[in-house]
């Protein structure tokens, strides 16, 4: 999938076009400089707009970060919920969930770094909402692991701790993935799916 197509698909729900351009510019700026070191002038300049134009769509820099974080978390959560609710054995569902979740974090690694590691810059209300989405993300993976324990496919003494470890492993891909590196997002997804099945003591 080419970068332009991936980029447009990622922010498809953000409208109008000017608001989408500001989001993509903010992602690049936050990833490069960090949220606190980035100014609204930096963002507007990257989007080819004036600082005044930015405020038509986003009242504050924090609101822009919230929009990015909300879209990113919901996209990632949808991936896990879809695999949680699909047919198949717990092992098949967990492997598919990990492949898809890791692939998203690799393909959208710049966005994912902002989404996952700038959480502390959100205001109290927005932070609480995103934490709720993160709890839902944890619950989606935990449900699959619990199913595997119930059927005897998985040997997991600590379901909550293992779920946290699985998610941490997958999310960290955004920190180190390099599009110019040796592994593709699909290859990393396959590797991590195998690692996670080993983590849960898959007996199949």
N, C-alpha and C. Protein backbone atom coordinates (compact mmCIF):
# COMPACT_ATOMS: atom_id res chain seq x y z
N UNK A 1 0.85 -1.19 0.00
CA UNK A 1 0.00 0.00 0.00
C UNK A 1 0.89 1.24 0.00
N UNK A 2 0.67 2.19 -0.90
CA UNK A 2 1.53 3.35 -0.95
C UNK A 2 1.20 4.31 0.17
N UNK A 3 2.16 5.16 0.50
CA UNK A 3 2.02 6.05 1.65
C UNK A 3 0.85 7.02 1.49
N UNK A 4 0.66 7.52 0.27
CA UNK A 4 -0.41 8.50 0.05
C UNK A 4 -1.78 7.88 0.31
N UNK A 5 -1.98 6.64 -0.19
CA UNK A 5 -3.26 5.97 0.02
C UNK A 5 -3.47 5.67 1.50
N UNK A 6 -2.42 5.18 2.16
CA UNK A 6 -2.51 4.87 3.58
C UNK A 6 -2.86 6.12 4.38
N UNK A 7 -2.22 7.23 4.03
CA UNK A 7 -2.43 8.49 4.73
C UNK A 7 -3.87 8.96 4.60
N UNK A 8 -4.42 8.92 3.37
CA UNK A 8 -5.78 9.39 3.14
C UNK A 8 -6.80 8.49 3.81
N UNK A 9 -6.53 7.19 3.81
CA UNK A 9 -7.42 6.24 4.46
C UNK A 9 -7.44 6.45 5.96
N UNK A 10 -6.30 6.75 6.51
CA UNK A 10 -6.15 6.93 7.95
C UNK A 10 -7.03 8.07 8.47
N UNK A 11 -7.11 9.16 7.72
CA UNK A 11 -7.83 10.35 8.18
C UNK A 11 -9.12 10.59 7.41
N UNK A 12 -9.68 9.53 6.84
CA UNK A 12 -10.86 9.69 5.99
C UNK A 12 -12.03 10.36 6.70
N UNK A 13 -12.14 10.12 8.01
CA UNK A 13 -13.29 10.68 8.73
C UNK A 13 -13.11 12.15 9.10
N UNK A 14 -11.92 12.69 8.89
CA UNK A 14 -11.66 14.09 9.23
C UNK A 14 -12.01 14.96 8.03
N UNK A 15 -12.99 15.81 8.20
CA UNK A 15 -13.43 16.70 7.12
C UNK A 15 -13.63 18.10 7.71
N UNK A 16 -13.57 19.14 6.86
CA UNK A 16 -13.28 19.14 5.42
C UNK A 16 -11.78 18.93 5.15
N UNK A 17 -11.41 19.12 3.89
CA UNK A 17 -10.02 18.87 3.48
C UNK A 17 -9.02 19.71 4.29
N UNK A 18 -9.37 20.95 4.57
CA UNK A 18 -8.45 21.82 5.31
C UNK A 18 -8.19 21.26 6.71
N UNK A 19 -9.21 20.73 7.35
CA UNK A 19 -9.05 20.15 8.68
C UNK A 19 -8.16 18.91 8.61
N UNK A 20 -8.31 18.13 7.53
CA UNK A 20 -7.49 16.93 7.34
C UNK A 20 -6.03 17.32 7.12
N UNK A 21 -5.80 18.36 6.34
CA UNK A 21 -4.43 18.82 6.10
C UNK A 21 -3.76 19.28 7.40
N UNK A 22 -4.53 19.92 8.25
CA UNK A 22 -3.98 20.36 9.54
C UNK A 22 -3.64 19.18 10.42
N UNK A 23 -4.46 18.15 10.39
CA UNK A 23 -4.19 16.95 11.19
C UNK A 23 -2.90 16.28 10.72
N UNK A 24 -2.76 16.10 9.42
CA UNK A 24 -1.55 15.43 8.91
C UNK A 24 -0.31 16.27 9.18
N UNK A 25 -0.45 17.59 9.09
CA UNK A 25 0.68 18.48 9.40
C UNK A 25 1.04 18.40 10.88
N UNK A 26 0.03 18.34 11.73
CA UNK A 26 0.27 18.26 13.17
C UNK A 26 0.94 16.95 13.55
N UNK A 27 0.51 15.87 12.93
CA UNK A 27 1.13 14.57 13.21
C UNK A 27 2.63 14.63 12.90
N UNK A 28 2.97 15.16 11.73
CA UNK A 28 4.38 15.26 11.34
C UNK A 28 5.16 16.15 12.31
N UNK A 29 4.57 17.27 12.69
CA UNK A 29 5.26 18.20 13.58
C UNK A 29 5.43 17.62 14.99
N UNK A 30 4.35 17.02 15.52
CA UNK A 30 4.43 16.43 16.87
C UNK A 30 5.44 15.29 16.91
N UNK A 31 5.44 14.47 15.85
CA UNK A 31 6.36 13.33 15.81
C UNK A 31 7.81 13.80 15.73
N UNK A 32 8.04 14.89 15.00
CA UNK A 32 9.40 15.38 14.79
C UNK A 32 9.92 16.19 15.98
N UNK A 33 9.05 17.06 16.53
CA UNK A 33 9.52 18.01 17.54
C UNK A 33 8.96 17.75 18.93
N UNK A 34 7.90 16.92 19.01
CA UNK A 34 7.21 16.75 20.27
C UNK A 34 6.08 17.76 20.39
N UNK A 35 5.06 17.43 21.14
CA UNK A 35 3.89 18.30 21.25
C UNK A 35 4.26 19.67 21.82
N UNK A 36 4.99 19.69 22.92
CA UNK A 36 5.23 20.95 23.62
C UNK A 36 6.14 21.89 22.84
N UNK A 37 7.03 21.36 22.02
CA UNK A 37 7.95 22.20 21.25
C UNK A 37 7.34 22.67 19.93
N UNK A 38 6.18 22.15 19.59
CA UNK A 38 5.51 22.51 18.34
C UNK A 38 4.56 23.68 18.57
N UNK A 39 4.58 24.66 17.69
CA UNK A 39 3.66 25.79 17.79
C UNK A 39 2.56 25.66 16.74
N UNK A 40 1.48 26.39 16.94
CA UNK A 40 0.41 26.38 15.95
C UNK A 40 0.91 26.98 14.63
N UNK A 41 1.87 27.88 14.72
CA UNK A 41 2.46 28.45 13.49
C UNK A 41 3.21 27.36 12.71
N UNK A 42 3.92 26.48 13.43
CA UNK A 42 4.60 25.35 12.79
C UNK A 42 3.60 24.50 12.01
N UNK A 43 2.50 24.18 12.67
CA UNK A 43 1.49 23.30 12.07
C UNK A 43 0.86 23.95 10.85
N UNK A 44 0.45 25.20 11.01
CA UNK A 44 -0.18 25.91 9.90
C UNK A 44 0.76 26.02 8.70
N UNK A 45 2.03 26.30 8.99
CA UNK A 45 3.00 26.41 7.91
C UNK A 45 3.16 25.12 7.14
N UNK A 46 3.21 24.00 7.85
CA UNK A 46 3.33 22.69 7.19
C UNK A 46 2.11 22.39 6.33
N UNK A 47 0.94 22.91 6.77
CA UNK A 47 -0.29 22.67 6.02
C UNK A 47 -0.50 23.67 4.89
N UNK A 48 0.42 24.64 4.78
CA UNK A 48 0.28 25.66 3.75
C UNK A 48 -0.84 26.64 4.04
N UNK A 49 -1.06 26.89 5.33
CA UNK A 49 -2.15 27.77 5.75
C UNK A 49 -1.62 28.81 6.72
N UNK A 50 -2.42 29.83 6.98
CA UNK A 50 -2.05 30.84 7.96
C UNK A 50 -2.45 30.36 9.36
N UNK A 51 -1.76 30.84 10.40
CA UNK A 51 -2.16 30.46 11.76
C UNK A 51 -3.62 30.77 12.05
N UNK A 52 -4.11 31.86 11.50
CA UNK A 52 -5.52 32.23 11.73
C UNK A 52 -6.46 31.18 11.15
N UNK A 53 -6.08 30.59 10.01
CA UNK A 53 -6.92 29.58 9.38
C UNK A 53 -7.03 28.33 10.24
N UNK A 54 -5.97 28.03 10.99
CA UNK A 54 -6.00 26.85 11.86
C UNK A 54 -7.13 26.94 12.87
N UNK A 55 -7.34 28.15 13.43
CA UNK A 55 -8.31 28.31 14.50
C UNK A 55 -9.76 28.21 14.01
N UNK A 56 -9.94 28.24 12.71
CA UNK A 56 -11.29 28.01 12.17
C UNK A 56 -11.71 26.58 12.44
N UNK A 57 -10.75 25.65 12.44
CA UNK A 57 -11.05 24.22 12.58
C UNK A 57 -10.73 23.67 13.97
N UNK A 58 -9.73 24.23 14.61
CA UNK A 58 -9.32 23.74 15.94
C UNK A 58 -9.02 24.93 16.83
N UNK A 59 -9.72 25.02 17.95
CA UNK A 59 -9.59 26.19 18.82
C UNK A 59 -8.23 26.26 19.49
N UNK A 60 -7.63 25.10 19.75
CA UNK A 60 -6.34 25.06 20.44
C UNK A 60 -5.47 23.96 19.85
N UNK A 61 -4.21 24.02 20.17
CA UNK A 61 -3.28 22.96 19.77
C UNK A 61 -3.68 21.64 20.45
N UNK A 62 -4.13 21.73 21.70
CA UNK A 62 -4.54 20.54 22.43
C UNK A 62 -5.75 19.87 21.77
N UNK A 63 -6.66 20.67 21.23
CA UNK A 63 -7.82 20.10 20.54
C UNK A 63 -7.39 19.33 19.29
N UNK A 64 -6.37 19.81 18.65
CA UNK A 64 -5.83 19.12 17.47
C UNK A 64 -5.20 17.79 17.88
N UNK A 65 -4.45 17.80 18.98
CA UNK A 65 -3.87 16.55 19.48
C UNK A 65 -4.96 15.57 19.88
N UNK A 66 -6.01 16.08 20.50
CA UNK A 66 -7.14 15.22 20.89
C UNK A 66 -7.77 14.57 19.67
N UNK A 67 -7.95 15.34 18.62
CA UNK A 67 -8.55 14.79 17.39
C UNK A 67 -7.69 13.66 16.84
N UNK A 68 -6.39 13.87 16.80
CA UNK A 68 -5.46 12.85 16.32
C UNK A 68 -5.53 11.61 17.21
N UNK A 69 -5.49 11.83 18.51
CA UNK A 69 -5.49 10.72 19.46
C UNK A 69 -6.79 9.94 19.40
N UNK A 70 -7.90 10.65 19.29
CA UNK A 70 -9.21 10.00 19.25
C UNK A 70 -9.35 9.13 18.01
N UNK A 71 -9.02 9.68 16.85
CA UNK A 71 -9.12 8.91 15.61
C UNK A 71 -8.19 7.70 15.65
N UNK A 72 -6.95 7.91 16.08
CA UNK A 72 -5.99 6.82 16.12
C UNK A 72 -6.41 5.71 17.06
N UNK A 73 -6.85 6.06 18.25
CA UNK A 73 -7.26 5.04 19.21
C UNK A 73 -8.49 4.27 18.73
N UNK A 74 -9.42 4.98 18.12
CA UNK A 74 -10.64 4.30 17.65
C UNK A 74 -10.34 3.35 16.48
N UNK A 75 -9.46 3.76 15.59
CA UNK A 75 -9.08 2.89 14.48
C UNK A 75 -8.43 1.61 15.00
N UNK A 76 -7.51 1.77 15.95
CA UNK A 76 -6.83 0.61 16.52
C UNK A 76 -7.80 -0.28 17.30
N UNK A 77 -8.71 0.33 18.04
CA UNK A 77 -9.70 -0.43 18.80
C UNK A 77 -10.62 -1.21 17.87
N UNK A 78 -11.03 -0.59 16.78
CA UNK A 78 -11.91 -1.28 15.82
C UNK A 78 -11.25 -2.54 15.26
N UNK A 79 -9.94 -2.47 15.03
CA UNK A 79 -9.20 -3.64 14.53
C UNK A 79 -9.33 -4.79 15.52
N UNK A 80 -9.10 -4.52 16.79
CA UNK A 80 -9.13 -5.57 17.81
C UNK A 80 -10.53 -6.10 18.05
N UNK A 81 -11.50 -5.22 18.07
CA UNK A 81 -12.88 -5.67 18.28
C UNK A 81 -13.36 -6.54 17.12
N UNK A 82 -12.97 -6.18 15.92
CA UNK A 82 -13.36 -6.98 14.75
C UNK A 82 -12.82 -8.40 14.86
N UNK A 83 -11.57 -8.53 15.26
CA UNK A 83 -10.98 -9.86 15.39
C UNK A 83 -11.52 -10.60 16.61
N UNK A 84 -11.80 -9.88 17.67
CA UNK A 84 -12.39 -10.50 18.86
C UNK A 84 -13.72 -11.17 18.52
N UNK A 85 -14.51 -10.52 17.67
CA UNK A 85 -15.87 -10.97 17.38
C UNK A 85 -15.95 -11.91 16.18
N UNK A 86 -14.83 -12.18 15.51
CA UNK A 86 -14.84 -13.06 14.34
C UNK A 86 -14.94 -14.52 14.76
N UNK A 87 -15.27 -15.35 13.78
CA UNK A 87 -15.27 -16.80 14.01
C UNK A 87 -13.84 -17.29 14.12
N UNK A 88 -13.69 -18.49 14.65
CA UNK A 88 -12.37 -19.10 14.75
C UNK A 88 -12.02 -19.43 16.18
N UNK A 89 -10.97 -20.20 16.34
CA UNK A 89 -10.51 -20.56 17.68
C UNK A 89 -9.87 -19.33 18.33
N UNK A 90 -9.73 -19.35 19.66
CA UNK A 90 -9.04 -18.23 20.32
C UNK A 90 -7.64 -17.99 19.75
N UNK A 91 -6.91 -19.05 19.44
CA UNK A 91 -5.56 -18.88 18.89
C UNK A 91 -5.62 -18.20 17.52
N UNK A 92 -6.56 -18.60 16.68
CA UNK A 92 -6.68 -17.98 15.36
C UNK A 92 -7.06 -16.51 15.50
N UNK A 93 -7.98 -16.22 16.39
CA UNK A 93 -8.43 -14.84 16.58
C UNK A 93 -7.34 -13.96 17.18
N UNK A 94 -6.60 -14.50 18.14
CA UNK A 94 -5.52 -13.73 18.75
C UNK A 94 -4.41 -13.45 17.74
N UNK A 95 -4.06 -14.46 16.96
CA UNK A 95 -3.03 -14.27 15.94
C UNK A 95 -3.45 -13.22 14.91
N UNK A 96 -4.70 -13.29 14.47
CA UNK A 96 -5.19 -12.29 13.51
C UNK A 96 -5.21 -10.90 14.13
N UNK A 97 -5.64 -10.81 15.39
CA UNK A 97 -5.70 -9.51 16.07
C UNK A 97 -4.31 -8.90 16.17
N UNK A 98 -3.34 -9.71 16.56
CA UNK A 98 -1.97 -9.20 16.70
C UNK A 98 -1.41 -8.79 15.35
N UNK A 99 -1.60 -9.63 14.33
CA UNK A 99 -1.11 -9.27 12.99
C UNK A 99 -1.65 -7.92 12.55
N UNK A 100 -2.96 -7.74 12.69
CA UNK A 100 -3.61 -6.51 12.22
C UNK A 100 -3.21 -5.31 13.07
N UNK A 101 -3.12 -5.50 14.38
CA UNK A 101 -2.78 -4.41 15.29
C UNK A 101 -1.34 -3.96 15.07
N UNK A 102 -0.44 -4.92 14.93
CA UNK A 102 0.97 -4.60 14.67
C UNK A 102 1.13 -3.95 13.30
N UNK A 103 0.43 -4.49 12.31
CA UNK A 103 0.54 -3.91 10.96
C UNK A 103 0.08 -2.45 10.96
N UNK A 104 -0.99 -2.15 11.70
CA UNK A 104 -1.46 -0.76 11.77
C UNK A 104 -0.40 0.14 12.40
N UNK A 105 0.21 -0.33 13.49
CA UNK A 105 1.22 0.47 14.17
C UNK A 105 2.48 0.64 13.32
N UNK A 106 2.76 -0.31 12.44
CA UNK A 106 3.91 -0.19 11.54
C UNK A 106 3.58 0.73 10.37
N UNK A 107 2.45 0.50 9.73
CA UNK A 107 2.08 1.30 8.56
C UNK A 107 1.85 2.77 8.93
N UNK A 108 1.34 3.00 10.12
CA UNK A 108 1.04 4.36 10.59
C UNK A 108 1.95 4.74 11.75
N UNK A 109 3.22 4.34 11.67
CA UNK A 109 4.11 4.48 12.83
C UNK A 109 4.28 5.92 13.29
N UNK A 110 4.26 6.88 12.37
CA UNK A 110 4.40 8.28 12.79
C UNK A 110 3.19 8.71 13.60
N UNK A 111 1.99 8.43 13.08
CA UNK A 111 0.77 8.74 13.81
C UNK A 111 0.72 8.00 15.13
N UNK A 112 1.06 6.72 15.10
CA UNK A 112 0.97 5.90 16.30
C UNK A 112 1.89 6.40 17.40
N UNK A 113 3.05 6.92 17.04
CA UNK A 113 3.95 7.47 18.06
C UNK A 113 3.30 8.65 18.76
N UNK A 114 2.65 9.50 17.98
CA UNK A 114 1.95 10.65 18.58
C UNK A 114 0.79 10.17 19.44
N UNK A 115 0.00 9.25 18.90
CA UNK A 115 -1.18 8.74 19.60
C UNK A 115 -0.79 8.08 20.93
N UNK A 116 0.27 7.29 20.91
CA UNK A 116 0.62 6.50 22.08
C UNK A 116 1.48 7.25 23.10
N UNK A 117 2.31 8.19 22.63
CA UNK A 117 3.31 8.76 23.53
C UNK A 117 3.14 10.24 23.87
N UNK A 118 2.07 10.88 23.36
CA UNK A 118 1.79 12.27 23.72
C UNK A 118 0.52 12.37 24.56
N UNK A 119 0.12 11.27 25.13
CA UNK A 119 -1.13 11.21 25.89
C UNK A 119 -1.15 12.21 27.05
N UNK A 120 0.00 12.40 27.69
CA UNK A 120 0.06 13.27 28.86
C UNK A 120 -0.19 14.73 28.56
N UNK A 121 -0.17 15.13 27.28
CA UNK A 121 -0.39 16.53 26.92
C UNK A 121 -1.87 16.87 26.79
N UNK A 122 -2.73 15.87 26.84
CA UNK A 122 -4.16 16.12 26.71
C UNK A 122 -4.73 16.76 27.96
N UNK A 123 -5.77 17.57 27.78
CA UNK A 123 -6.48 18.15 28.91
C UNK A 123 -7.22 17.07 29.69
N UNK A 124 -7.68 17.40 30.87
CA UNK A 124 -8.27 16.41 31.78
C UNK A 124 -9.44 15.65 31.15
N UNK A 125 -10.37 16.37 30.55
CA UNK A 125 -11.55 15.72 29.97
C UNK A 125 -11.18 14.83 28.79
N UNK A 126 -10.35 15.34 27.91
CA UNK A 126 -9.93 14.55 26.75
C UNK A 126 -9.09 13.35 27.18
N UNK A 127 -8.24 13.56 28.17
CA UNK A 127 -7.40 12.47 28.68
C UNK A 127 -8.26 11.34 29.21
N UNK A 128 -9.30 11.69 29.95
CA UNK A 128 -10.20 10.68 30.52
C UNK A 128 -10.89 9.87 29.42
N UNK A 129 -11.29 10.56 28.35
CA UNK A 129 -11.95 9.86 27.24
C UNK A 129 -11.00 8.88 26.56
N UNK A 130 -9.77 9.30 26.33
CA UNK A 130 -8.80 8.43 25.66
C UNK A 130 -8.43 7.26 26.56
N UNK A 131 -8.31 7.49 27.85
CA UNK A 131 -8.03 6.40 28.78
C UNK A 131 -9.15 5.36 28.71
N UNK A 132 -10.39 5.82 28.55
CA UNK A 132 -11.51 4.90 28.37
C UNK A 132 -11.34 4.04 27.13
N UNK A 133 -10.89 4.63 26.04
CA UNK A 133 -10.64 3.86 24.81
C UNK A 133 -9.51 2.86 25.01
N UNK A 134 -8.51 3.23 25.79
CA UNK A 134 -7.41 2.32 26.06
C UNK A 134 -7.88 1.14 26.93
N UNK A 135 -8.79 1.41 27.85
CA UNK A 135 -9.36 0.32 28.64
C UNK A 135 -10.14 -0.63 27.74
N UNK A 136 -10.88 -0.08 26.79
CA UNK A 136 -11.64 -0.91 25.85
C UNK A 136 -10.70 -1.75 24.98
N UNK A 137 -9.57 -1.17 24.61
CA UNK A 137 -8.57 -1.89 23.84
C UNK A 137 -8.04 -3.08 24.64
N UNK A 138 -7.71 -2.83 25.90
CA UNK A 138 -7.25 -3.89 26.79
C UNK A 138 -8.31 -4.98 26.92
N UNK A 139 -9.56 -4.56 27.07
CA UNK A 139 -10.66 -5.53 27.26
C UNK A 139 -10.85 -6.41 26.03
N UNK A 140 -10.65 -5.86 24.83
CA UNK A 140 -10.83 -6.64 23.61
C UNK A 140 -9.81 -7.76 23.52
N UNK A 141 -8.56 -7.45 23.83
CA UNK A 141 -7.52 -8.48 23.81
C UNK A 141 -7.71 -9.46 24.96
N UNK A 142 -8.04 -8.94 26.12
CA UNK A 142 -8.22 -9.80 27.29
C UNK A 142 -9.33 -10.82 27.06
N UNK A 143 -10.39 -10.41 26.36
CA UNK A 143 -11.50 -11.32 26.09
C UNK A 143 -11.04 -12.52 25.27
N UNK A 144 -10.16 -12.29 24.29
CA UNK A 144 -9.66 -13.40 23.47
C UNK A 144 -8.78 -14.32 24.32
N UNK A 145 -7.93 -13.73 25.13
CA UNK A 145 -7.05 -14.53 25.99
C UNK A 145 -7.88 -15.35 26.97
N UNK A 146 -8.90 -14.76 27.54
CA UNK A 146 -9.78 -15.48 28.47
C UNK A 146 -10.48 -16.64 27.78
N UNK A 147 -10.90 -16.43 26.54
CA UNK A 147 -11.53 -17.52 25.77
C UNK A 147 -10.55 -18.68 25.60
N UNK A 148 -9.29 -18.34 25.31
CA UNK A 148 -8.29 -19.38 25.13
C UNK A 148 -8.00 -20.15 26.40
N UNK A 149 -8.02 -19.46 27.52
CA UNK A 149 -7.82 -20.13 28.81
C UNK A 149 -9.00 -21.05 29.09
N UNK A 150 -10.21 -20.56 28.80
CA UNK A 150 -11.42 -21.35 29.06
C UNK A 150 -11.46 -22.63 28.23
N UNK A 151 -10.96 -22.57 27.01
CA UNK A 151 -10.98 -23.76 26.14
C UNK A 151 -9.76 -24.65 26.35
N UNK A 152 -8.80 -24.19 27.12
CA UNK A 152 -7.58 -24.97 27.35
C UNK A 152 -6.51 -24.78 26.30
N UNK A 153 -6.75 -23.87 25.35
CA UNK A 153 -5.74 -23.61 24.31
C UNK A 153 -4.56 -22.82 24.84
N UNK A 154 -4.82 -21.95 25.85
CA UNK A 154 -3.78 -21.08 26.39
C UNK A 154 -3.49 -21.47 27.84
N UNK A 155 -2.25 -21.34 28.21
CA UNK A 155 -1.83 -21.54 29.60
C UNK A 155 -1.33 -20.20 30.13
N UNK A 156 -2.24 -19.45 30.76
CA UNK A 156 -1.94 -18.09 31.19
C UNK A 156 -2.32 -17.92 32.66
N UNK A 157 -1.36 -17.96 33.58
CA UNK A 157 -1.66 -17.79 35.00
C UNK A 157 -2.17 -16.39 35.34
N UNK A 158 -1.69 -15.37 34.61
CA UNK A 158 -2.07 -13.98 34.89
C UNK A 158 -2.60 -13.35 33.61
N UNK A 159 -3.92 -13.40 33.43
CA UNK A 159 -4.52 -12.91 32.18
C UNK A 159 -4.32 -11.41 32.02
N UNK A 160 -4.56 -10.65 33.06
CA UNK A 160 -4.43 -9.19 32.96
C UNK A 160 -2.99 -8.78 32.66
N UNK A 161 -2.05 -9.38 33.37
CA UNK A 161 -0.65 -9.05 33.14
C UNK A 161 -0.19 -9.44 31.75
N UNK A 162 -0.64 -10.59 31.29
CA UNK A 162 -0.26 -11.06 29.95
C UNK A 162 -0.87 -10.18 28.88
N UNK A 163 -2.11 -9.77 29.08
CA UNK A 163 -2.75 -8.86 28.12
C UNK A 163 -1.99 -7.56 28.01
N UNK A 164 -1.57 -7.02 29.13
CA UNK A 164 -0.78 -5.79 29.13
C UNK A 164 0.54 -6.00 28.38
N UNK A 165 1.17 -7.14 28.60
CA UNK A 165 2.44 -7.43 27.92
C UNK A 165 2.23 -7.54 26.41
N UNK A 166 1.16 -8.18 25.98
CA UNK A 166 0.86 -8.32 24.56
C UNK A 166 0.67 -6.94 23.92
N UNK A 167 -0.14 -6.11 24.55
CA UNK A 167 -0.40 -4.78 23.99
C UNK A 167 0.87 -3.93 23.98
N UNK A 168 1.66 -4.00 25.03
CA UNK A 168 2.90 -3.23 25.09
C UNK A 168 3.85 -3.64 23.97
N UNK A 169 3.95 -4.93 23.73
CA UNK A 169 4.81 -5.45 22.67
C UNK A 169 4.37 -4.91 21.31
N UNK A 170 3.07 -4.96 21.06
CA UNK A 170 2.54 -4.52 19.76
C UNK A 170 2.69 -3.02 19.57
N UNK A 171 2.34 -2.24 20.59
CA UNK A 171 2.38 -0.79 20.49
C UNK A 171 3.79 -0.28 20.28
N UNK A 172 4.77 -0.95 20.87
CA UNK A 172 6.16 -0.50 20.78
C UNK A 172 6.69 -0.52 19.36
N UNK A 173 6.01 -1.24 18.48
CA UNK A 173 6.41 -1.27 17.07
C UNK A 173 6.46 0.16 16.50
N UNK A 174 5.53 0.99 16.94
CA UNK A 174 5.48 2.37 16.44
C UNK A 174 6.74 3.15 16.78
N UNK A 175 7.40 2.78 17.87
CA UNK A 175 8.58 3.50 18.32
C UNK A 175 9.80 3.20 17.45
N UNK A 176 9.93 1.94 17.01
CA UNK A 176 11.17 1.58 16.31
C UNK A 176 11.01 1.29 14.83
N UNK A 177 9.77 1.12 14.34
CA UNK A 177 9.60 0.70 12.94
C UNK A 177 10.15 1.75 11.98
N UNK A 178 10.84 1.24 10.98
CA UNK A 178 11.43 2.09 9.94
C UNK A 178 10.96 1.56 8.59
N UNK A 179 10.26 2.40 7.84
CA UNK A 179 9.73 1.99 6.54
C UNK A 179 10.82 1.57 5.57
N UNK A 180 12.06 2.04 5.81
CA UNK A 180 13.18 1.68 4.96
C UNK A 180 13.93 0.46 5.49
N UNK A 181 13.45 -0.13 6.57
CA UNK A 181 14.12 -1.27 7.19
C UNK A 181 13.91 -2.57 6.44
N UNK A 182 14.40 -3.65 7.03
CA UNK A 182 14.40 -4.95 6.36
C UNK A 182 13.04 -5.63 6.37
N UNK A 183 12.23 -5.36 7.39
CA UNK A 183 10.95 -6.06 7.52
C UNK A 183 9.79 -5.16 7.10
N UNK A 184 8.82 -5.75 6.42
CA UNK A 184 7.60 -5.04 6.05
C UNK A 184 6.62 -5.09 7.22
N UNK A 185 5.58 -4.25 7.22
CA UNK A 185 4.56 -4.34 8.26
C UNK A 185 3.95 -5.73 8.37
N UNK A 186 3.71 -6.39 7.23
CA UNK A 186 3.15 -7.74 7.25
C UNK A 186 4.10 -8.73 7.91
N UNK A 187 5.39 -8.60 7.61
CA UNK A 187 6.37 -9.52 8.19
C UNK A 187 6.50 -9.32 9.70
N UNK A 188 6.46 -8.08 10.14
CA UNK A 188 6.50 -7.82 11.57
C UNK A 188 5.24 -8.37 12.24
N UNK A 189 4.10 -8.21 11.58
CA UNK A 189 2.85 -8.76 12.11
C UNK A 189 2.91 -10.26 12.28
N UNK A 190 3.46 -10.96 11.30
CA UNK A 190 3.59 -12.42 11.38
C UNK A 190 4.51 -12.82 12.52
N UNK A 191 5.63 -12.12 12.65
CA UNK A 191 6.59 -12.42 13.71
C UNK A 191 5.95 -12.24 15.08
N UNK A 192 5.25 -11.13 15.26
CA UNK A 192 4.66 -10.84 16.56
C UNK A 192 3.49 -11.77 16.89
N UNK A 193 2.74 -12.18 15.88
CA UNK A 193 1.66 -13.13 16.12
C UNK A 193 2.22 -14.44 16.67
N UNK A 194 3.33 -14.88 16.11
CA UNK A 194 3.98 -16.10 16.59
C UNK A 194 4.51 -15.91 18.01
N UNK A 195 5.12 -14.77 18.28
CA UNK A 195 5.64 -14.48 19.62
C UNK A 195 4.53 -14.47 20.66
N UNK A 196 3.41 -13.85 20.30
CA UNK A 196 2.30 -13.74 21.26
C UNK A 196 1.69 -15.10 21.56
N UNK A 197 1.56 -15.96 20.54
CA UNK A 197 1.03 -17.30 20.79
C UNK A 197 1.96 -18.07 21.74
N UNK A 198 3.25 -17.84 21.62
CA UNK A 198 4.18 -18.46 22.56
C UNK A 198 4.00 -17.89 23.96
N UNK A 199 3.75 -16.58 24.04
CA UNK A 199 3.55 -15.94 25.34
C UNK A 199 2.36 -16.51 26.10
N UNK A 200 1.30 -16.84 25.36
CA UNK A 200 0.10 -17.34 26.03
C UNK A 200 0.11 -18.86 26.18
N UNK A 201 1.24 -19.49 25.84
CA UNK A 201 1.36 -20.93 26.00
C UNK A 201 0.41 -21.72 25.13
N UNK A 202 0.28 -21.25 23.88
CA UNK A 202 -0.61 -21.95 22.94
C UNK A 202 -0.21 -23.40 22.80
N UNK A 203 -1.16 -24.29 22.99
CA UNK A 203 -0.87 -25.73 22.99
C UNK A 203 -1.18 -26.41 21.66
N UNK A 204 -1.65 -25.64 20.68
CA UNK A 204 -2.04 -26.25 19.40
C UNK A 204 -0.85 -26.51 18.49
